[in-house]
Amino acid sequence: MPTSSSHATRKRRGDDNSESRSDRPVKRSVAFISHLLQRDLTLKDSFRQSITRIYQISRLLGKFSEEDEDLSENKEAADAFRTLLDSGKGGSCPIRRLAARLVPRFLPLFPHQLEPSINMLINLHQARHRSSDHDVDSVLSATKSDALQGLGSCLDLATKAPKQSLQGVQHLVHFLIRYVV
């Protein structure tokens, strides 16, 4: 892709030399990968490329979490997590399934994102897709299952930080009452 490499070249030339060299690749990677993923979601590019970018963001969030336990102040990590949330809202079926699995994994690092995470997972569980394709139906079914498991993780996190998550927990409880009944 000529636009990606030229963007990366422009990015390299415009680097701020005040940052240490060890910080730059991770920060640039998060921003660049998030940008590419958003573009893929907007343009409906190949879902394989988008899935690869989701995994790249997952690895980068894993690196951030190893380096620092409190990521609430880390803008790049927060942007990467928001990108995961956005991919759960607007991606293809496989991308939404990855979001249903990855958002609960990294949510403890971003407890202030509990309510948007709960809303995204509820929407993933309630999603309807009319298709005669058995593969799409099986991915959608697995996404719904992963979303329910993710909601359980959200509830666990909400018990640890009840003040931050009252609205989200209320939404989750209402959803569970409707789902069970």
C-alpha atoms as a PDB file:
ATOM      1  CA  MET A   1       0.000   0.000   0.000  1.00  0.00           C
ATOM      2  CA  PRO A   2       1.741   3.160  -1.061  1.00  0.00           C
ATOM      3  CA  THR A   3      -0.310   5.381   1.236  1.00  0.00           C
ATOM      4  CA  SER A   4       0.618   3.423   4.348  1.00  0.00           C
ATOM      5  CA  SER A   5       4.338   3.416   3.641  1.00  0.00           C
ATOM      6  CA  SER A   6       4.359   7.090   2.690  1.00  0.00           C
ATOM      7  CA  HIS A   7       2.407   7.857   5.888  1.00  0.00           C
ATOM      8  CA  ALA A   8       4.941   5.866   7.901  1.00  0.00           C
ATOM      9  CA  THR A   9       7.783   7.740   6.169  1.00  0.00           C
ATOM     10  CA  ARG A  10       6.185  11.087   6.944  1.00  0.00           C
ATOM     11  CA  LYS A  11       5.665   9.945  10.507  1.00  0.00           C
ATOM     12  CA  ARG A  12       9.342   9.027  10.856  1.00  0.00           C
ATOM     13  CA  ARG A  13      10.542  12.382   9.545  1.00  0.00           C
ATOM     14  CA  GLY A  14       8.268  14.291  11.908  1.00  0.00           C
ATOM     15  CA  ASP A  15       9.281  12.382  15.055  1.00  0.00           C
ATOM     16  CA  ASP A  16       9.909  14.461  18.125  1.00  0.00           C
ATOM     17  CA  ASN A  17      13.480  13.890  19.272  1.00  0.00           C
ATOM     18  CA  SER A  18      12.588  14.744  22.873  1.00  0.00           C
ATOM     19  CA  GLU A  19      11.191  11.225  23.385  1.00  0.00           C
ATOM     20  CA  SER A  20      13.481   8.346  24.158  1.00  0.00           C
ATOM     21  CA  ARG A  21      14.023   5.903  21.334  1.00  0.00           C
ATOM     22  CA  SER A  22      12.549   2.998  23.332  1.00  0.00           C
ATOM     23  CA  ASP A  23       9.190   4.818  23.751  1.00  0.00           C
ATOM     24  CA  ARG A  24       8.675   5.913  20.155  1.00  0.00           C
ATOM     25  CA  PRO A  25       8.046   2.591  18.364  1.00  0.00           C
ATOM     26  CA  VAL A  26       5.283   1.486  20.727  1.00  0.00           C
ATOM     27  CA  LYS A  27       3.556   4.880  20.742  1.00  0.00           C
ATOM     28  CA  ARG A  28       3.787   5.266  16.993  1.00  0.00           C
ATOM     29  CA  SER A  29       2.596   1.716  16.499  1.00  0.00           C
ATOM     30  CA  VAL A  30      -0.535   2.194  18.599  1.00  0.00           C
ATOM     31  CA  ALA A  31      -1.525   5.386  16.818  1.00  0.00           C
ATOM     32  CA  PHE A  32      -0.711   4.062  13.369  1.00  0.00           C
ATOM     33  CA  ILE A  33      -2.388   0.680  13.872  1.00  0.00           C
ATOM     34  CA  SER A  34      -5.455   2.353  15.388  1.00  0.00           C
ATOM     35  CA  HIS A  35      -5.624   4.693  12.395  1.00  0.00           C
ATOM     36  CA  LEU A  36      -5.383   1.783   9.955  1.00  0.00           C
ATOM     37  CA  LEU A  37      -8.022  -0.207  11.817  1.00  0.00           C
ATOM     38  CA  GLN A  38     -10.423   2.739  11.854  1.00  0.00           C
ATOM     39  CA  ARG A  39      -9.871   3.174   8.128  1.00  0.00           C
ATOM     40  CA  ASP A  40     -10.514  -0.531   7.543  1.00  0.00           C
ATOM     41  CA  LEU A  41     -13.718  -0.403   9.551  1.00  0.00           C
ATOM     42  CA  THR A  42     -14.852   2.691   7.672  1.00  0.00           C
ATOM     43  CA  LEU A  43     -13.965   1.443   4.215  1.00  0.00           C
ATOM     44  CA  LYS A  44     -14.965  -2.184   4.879  1.00  0.00           C
ATOM     45  CA  ASP A  45     -11.561  -3.460   3.750  1.00  0.00           C
ATOM     46  CA  SER A  46     -10.531  -7.059   3.986  1.00  0.00           C
ATOM     47  CA  PHE A  47     -11.447  -8.403   7.391  1.00  0.00           C
ATOM     48  CA  ARG A  48      -8.197 -10.380   7.501  1.00  0.00           C
ATOM     49  CA  GLN A  49      -6.215  -7.147   7.593  1.00  0.00           C
ATOM     50  CA  SER A  50      -8.509  -5.790  10.276  1.00  0.00           C
ATOM     51  CA  ILE A  51      -8.172  -8.950  12.352  1.00  0.00           C
ATOM     52  CA  THR A  52      -4.391  -8.717  12.080  1.00  0.00           C
ATOM     53  CA  ARG A  53      -4.545  -5.125  13.322  1.00  0.00           C
ATOM     54  CA  ILE A  54      -6.801  -6.118  16.226  1.00  0.00           C
ATOM     55  CA  TYR A  55      -4.211  -8.691  17.288  1.00  0.00           C
ATOM     56  CA  GLN A  56      -1.462  -6.071  16.945  1.00  0.00           C
ATOM     57  CA  ILE A  57      -3.392  -3.743  19.241  1.00  0.00           C
ATOM     58  CA  SER A  58      -3.879  -6.635  21.659  1.00  0.00           C
ATOM     59  CA  ARG A  59      -0.137  -7.312  21.742  1.00  0.00           C
ATOM     60  CA  LEU A  60       0.608  -3.622  22.254  1.00  0.00           C
ATOM     61  CA  LEU A  61      -1.887  -3.398  25.121  1.00  0.00           C
ATOM     62  CA  GLY A  62      -0.217  -6.459  26.605  1.00  0.00           C
ATOM     63  CA  LYS A  63       3.160  -4.708  26.413  1.00  0.00           C
ATOM     64  CA  PHE A  64       1.724  -1.578  28.002  1.00  0.00           C
ATOM     65  CA  SER A  65       0.203  -3.619  30.817  1.00  0.00           C
ATOM     66  CA  GLU A  66       3.536  -5.340  31.508  1.00  0.00           C
ATOM     67  CA  GLU A  67       5.328  -1.994  31.690  1.00  0.00           C
ATOM     68  CA  ASP A  68       2.803  -0.111  33.805  1.00  0.00           C
ATOM     69  CA  GLU A  69      -0.029  -1.335  35.999  1.00  0.00           C
ATOM     70  CA  ASP A  70      -1.966   1.947  35.947  1.00  0.00           C
ATOM     71  CA  LEU A  71      -2.865   2.735  32.356  1.00  0.00           C
ATOM     72  CA  SER A  72      -5.540   5.324  33.100  1.00  0.00           C
ATOM     73  CA  GLU A  73      -3.068   8.146  32.373  1.00  0.00           C
ATOM     74  CA  ASN A  74      -1.526   6.526  29.286  1.00  0.00           C
ATOM     75  CA  LYS A  75      -3.193   8.198  26.294  1.00  0.00           C
ATOM     76  CA  GLU A  76      -1.848   5.752  23.706  1.00  0.00           C
ATOM     77  CA  ALA A  77      -3.048   2.724  25.641  1.00  0.00           C
ATOM     78  CA  ALA A  78      -6.452   4.348  26.190  1.00  0.00           C
ATOM     79  CA  ASP A  79      -6.712   5.091  22.458  1.00  0.00           C
ATOM     80  CA  ALA A  80      -5.881   1.475  21.659  1.00  0.00           C
ATOM     81  CA  PHE A  81      -8.564   0.248  24.062  1.00  0.00           C
ATOM     82  CA  ARG A  82     -11.113   2.661  22.564  1.00  0.00           C
ATOM     83  CA  THR A  83     -10.206   1.266  19.150  1.00  0.00           C
ATOM     84  CA  LEU A  84     -11.085  -2.210  20.433  1.00  0.00           C
ATOM     85  CA  LEU A  85     -14.410  -0.868  21.690  1.00  0.00           C
ATOM     86  CA  ASP A  86     -15.102   0.781  18.326  1.00  0.00           C
ATOM     87  CA  SER A  87     -14.252  -2.402  16.452  1.00  0.00           C
ATOM     88  CA  GLY A  88     -16.893  -4.213  18.496  1.00  0.00           C
ATOM     89  CA  LYS A  89     -19.450  -1.692  17.336  1.00  0.00           C
ATOM     90  CA  GLY A  90     -18.657  -1.451  13.652  1.00  0.00           C
ATOM     91  CA  GLY A  91     -16.596  -4.354  12.429  1.00  0.00           C
ATOM     92  CA  SER A  92     -17.416  -7.548  10.602  1.00  0.00           C
ATOM     93  CA  CYS A  93     -18.607 -10.651  12.483  1.00  0.00           C
ATOM     94  CA  PRO A  94     -15.086 -12.009  13.149  1.00  0.00           C
ATOM     95  CA  ILE A  95     -13.855  -8.599  14.305  1.00  0.00           C
ATOM     96  CA  ARG A  96     -16.787  -8.205  16.664  1.00  0.00           C
ATOM     97  CA  ARG A  97     -16.054 -11.654  18.077  1.00  0.00           C
ATOM     98  CA  LEU A  98     -12.445 -10.671  18.746  1.00  0.00           C
ATOM     99  CA  ALA A  99     -13.657  -7.508  20.444  1.00  0.00           C
ATOM    100  CA  ALA A 100     -16.004  -9.587  22.612  1.00  0.00           C
ATOM    101  CA  ARG A 101     -13.003 -11.631  23.730  1.00  0.00           C
ATOM    102  CA  LEU A 102     -10.354  -8.916  24.038  1.00  0.00           C
ATOM    103  CA  VAL A 103     -12.277  -6.056  25.652  1.00  0.00           C
ATOM    104  CA  PRO A 104     -12.995  -8.025  28.869  1.00  0.00           C
ATOM    105  CA  ARG A 105      -9.356  -9.142  28.980  1.00  0.00           C
ATOM    106  CA  PHE A 106      -8.029  -5.570  29.035  1.00  0.00           C
ATOM    107  CA  LEU A 107     -10.941  -3.914  30.845  1.00  0.00           C
ATOM    108  CA  PRO A 108      -9.331  -4.212  34.321  1.00  0.00           C
ATOM    109  CA  LEU A 109      -6.609  -1.867  33.029  1.00  0.00           C
ATOM    110  CA  PHE A 110      -9.274   0.720  32.110  1.00  0.00           C
ATOM    111  CA  PRO A 111     -11.987   0.544  34.792  1.00  0.00           C
ATOM    112  CA  HIS A 112     -13.335   3.950  33.745  1.00  0.00           C
ATOM    113  CA  GLN A 113     -14.366   2.328  30.431  1.00  0.00           C
ATOM    114  CA  LEU A 114     -16.674  -0.161  32.167  1.00  0.00           C
ATOM    115  CA  GLU A 115     -19.968   1.369  31.059  1.00  0.00           C
ATOM    116  CA  PRO A 116     -19.059   1.623  27.328  1.00  0.00           C
ATOM    117  CA  SER A 117     -17.706  -1.939  27.506  1.00  0.00           C
ATOM    118  CA  ILE A 118     -20.934  -3.239  29.034  1.00  0.00           C
ATOM    119  CA  ASN A 119     -22.982  -1.436  26.387  1.00  0.00           C
ATOM    120  CA  MET A 120     -20.834  -2.829  23.578  1.00  0.00           C
ATOM    121  CA  LEU A 121     -21.051  -6.394  24.912  1.00  0.00           C
ATOM    122  CA  ILE A 122     -24.827  -6.166  25.372  1.00  0.00           C
ATOM    123  CA  ASN A 123     -25.170  -4.883  21.805  1.00  0.00           C
ATOM    124  CA  LEU A 124     -22.994  -7.740  20.551  1.00  0.00           C
ATOM    125  CA  HIS A 125     -25.196 -10.253  22.323  1.00  0.00           C
ATOM    126  CA  GLN A 126     -28.389  -8.716  20.951  1.00  0.00           C
ATOM    127  CA  ALA A 127     -27.077  -8.410  17.386  1.00  0.00           C
ATOM    128  CA  ARG A 128     -29.152 -10.043  14.706  1.00  0.00           C
ATOM    129  CA  HIS A 129     -27.809 -11.040  11.339  1.00  0.00           C
ATOM    130  CA  ARG A 130     -29.990 -12.455   8.633  1.00  0.00           C
ATOM    131  CA  SER A 131     -27.946 -14.774   6.543  1.00  0.00           C
ATOM    132  CA  SER A 132     -28.256 -18.146   4.930  1.00  0.00           C
ATOM    133  CA  ASP A 133     -24.526 -18.644   5.454  1.00  0.00           C
ATOM    134  CA  HIS A 134     -23.897 -21.232   8.166  1.00  0.00           C
ATOM    135  CA  ASP A 135     -20.381 -19.877   8.831  1.00  0.00           C
ATOM    136  CA  VAL A 136     -21.702 -16.394   9.609  1.00  0.00           C
ATOM    137  CA  ASP A 137     -24.373 -17.868  11.874  1.00  0.00           C
ATOM    138  CA  SER A 138     -21.804 -19.925  13.797  1.00  0.00           C
ATOM    139  CA  VAL A 139     -19.508 -16.906  14.253  1.00  0.00           C
ATOM    140  CA  LEU A 140     -22.475 -14.819  15.408  1.00  0.00           C
ATOM    141  CA  SER A 141     -23.482 -17.528  17.879  1.00  0.00           C
ATOM    142  CA  ALA A 142     -19.919 -17.722  19.224  1.00  0.00           C
ATOM    143  CA  THR A 143     -19.821 -13.909  19.472  1.00  0.00           C
ATOM    144  CA  LYS A 144     -22.980 -13.928  21.567  1.00  0.00           C
ATOM    145  CA  SER A 145     -21.482 -16.549  23.868  1.00  0.00           C
ATOM    146  CA  ASP A 146     -18.229 -14.588  24.197  1.00  0.00           C
ATOM    147  CA  ALA A 147     -20.210 -11.417  24.900  1.00  0.00           C
ATOM    148  CA  LEU A 148     -22.073 -13.130  27.760  1.00  0.00           C
ATOM    149  CA  GLN A 149     -18.795 -14.352  29.239  1.00  0.00           C
ATOM    150  CA  GLY A 150     -17.400 -10.849  28.876  1.00  0.00           C
ATOM    151  CA  LEU A 151     -20.409  -9.434  30.724  1.00  0.00           C
ATOM    152  CA  GLY A 152     -19.565 -11.788  33.585  1.00  0.00           C
ATOM    153  CA  SER A 153     -16.065 -10.314  33.671  1.00  0.00           C
ATOM    154  CA  CYS A 154     -17.578  -6.829  33.668  1.00  0.00           C
ATOM    155  CA  LEU A 155     -19.730  -7.744  36.640  1.00  0.00           C
ATOM    156  CA  ASP A 156     -16.663  -9.025  38.513  1.00  0.00           C
ATOM    157  CA  LEU A 157     -14.868  -5.764  37.816  1.00  0.00           C
ATOM    158  CA  ALA A 158     -17.916  -3.750  38.857  1.00  0.00           C
ATOM    159  CA  THR A 159     -17.882  -5.385  42.294  1.00  0.00           C
ATOM    160  CA  LYS A 160     -14.312  -4.163  42.762  1.00  0.00           C
ATOM    161  CA  ALA A 161     -15.069  -0.563  41.713  1.00  0.00           C
ATOM    162  CA  PRO A 162     -18.750  -0.010  42.529  1.00  0.00           C
ATOM    163  CA  LYS A 163     -18.698   3.807  42.567  1.00  0.00           C
ATOM    164  CA  GLN A 164     -17.445   4.100  38.994  1.00  0.00           C
ATOM    165  CA  SER A 165     -19.869   1.637  37.491  1.00  0.00           C
ATOM    166  CA  LEU A 166     -23.331   2.126  38.953  1.00  0.00           C
ATOM    167  CA  GLN A 167     -24.976   3.128  35.665  1.00  0.00           C
ATOM    168  CA  GLY A 168     -23.298   0.311  33.734  1.00  0.00           C
ATOM    169  CA  VAL A 169     -24.220  -2.292  36.344  1.00  0.00           C
ATOM    170  CA  GLN A 170     -27.848  -1.153  36.302  1.00  0.00           C
ATOM    171  CA  HIS A 171     -27.899  -1.547  32.526  1.00  0.00           C
ATOM    172  CA  LEU A 172     -26.295  -4.981  32.832  1.00  0.00           C
ATOM    173  CA  VAL A 173     -28.765  -6.160  35.487  1.00  0.00           C
ATOM    174  CA  HIS A 174     -31.739  -4.991  33.392  1.00  0.00           C
ATOM    175  CA  PHE A 175     -30.306  -6.835  30.399  1.00  0.00           C
ATOM    176  CA  LEU A 176     -29.787 -10.034  32.383  1.00  0.00           C
ATOM    177  CA  ILE A 177     -33.318  -9.904  33.780  1.00  0.00           C
ATOM    178  CA  ARG A 178     -34.736  -9.552  30.257  1.00  0.00           C
ATOM    179  CA  TYR A 179     -32.407 -12.241  28.913  1.00  0.00           C
ATOM    180  CA  VAL A 180     -33.159 -14.807  31.615  1.00  0.00           C
ATOM    181  CA  VAL A 181     -36.910 -14.191  31.719  1.00  0.00           C
END
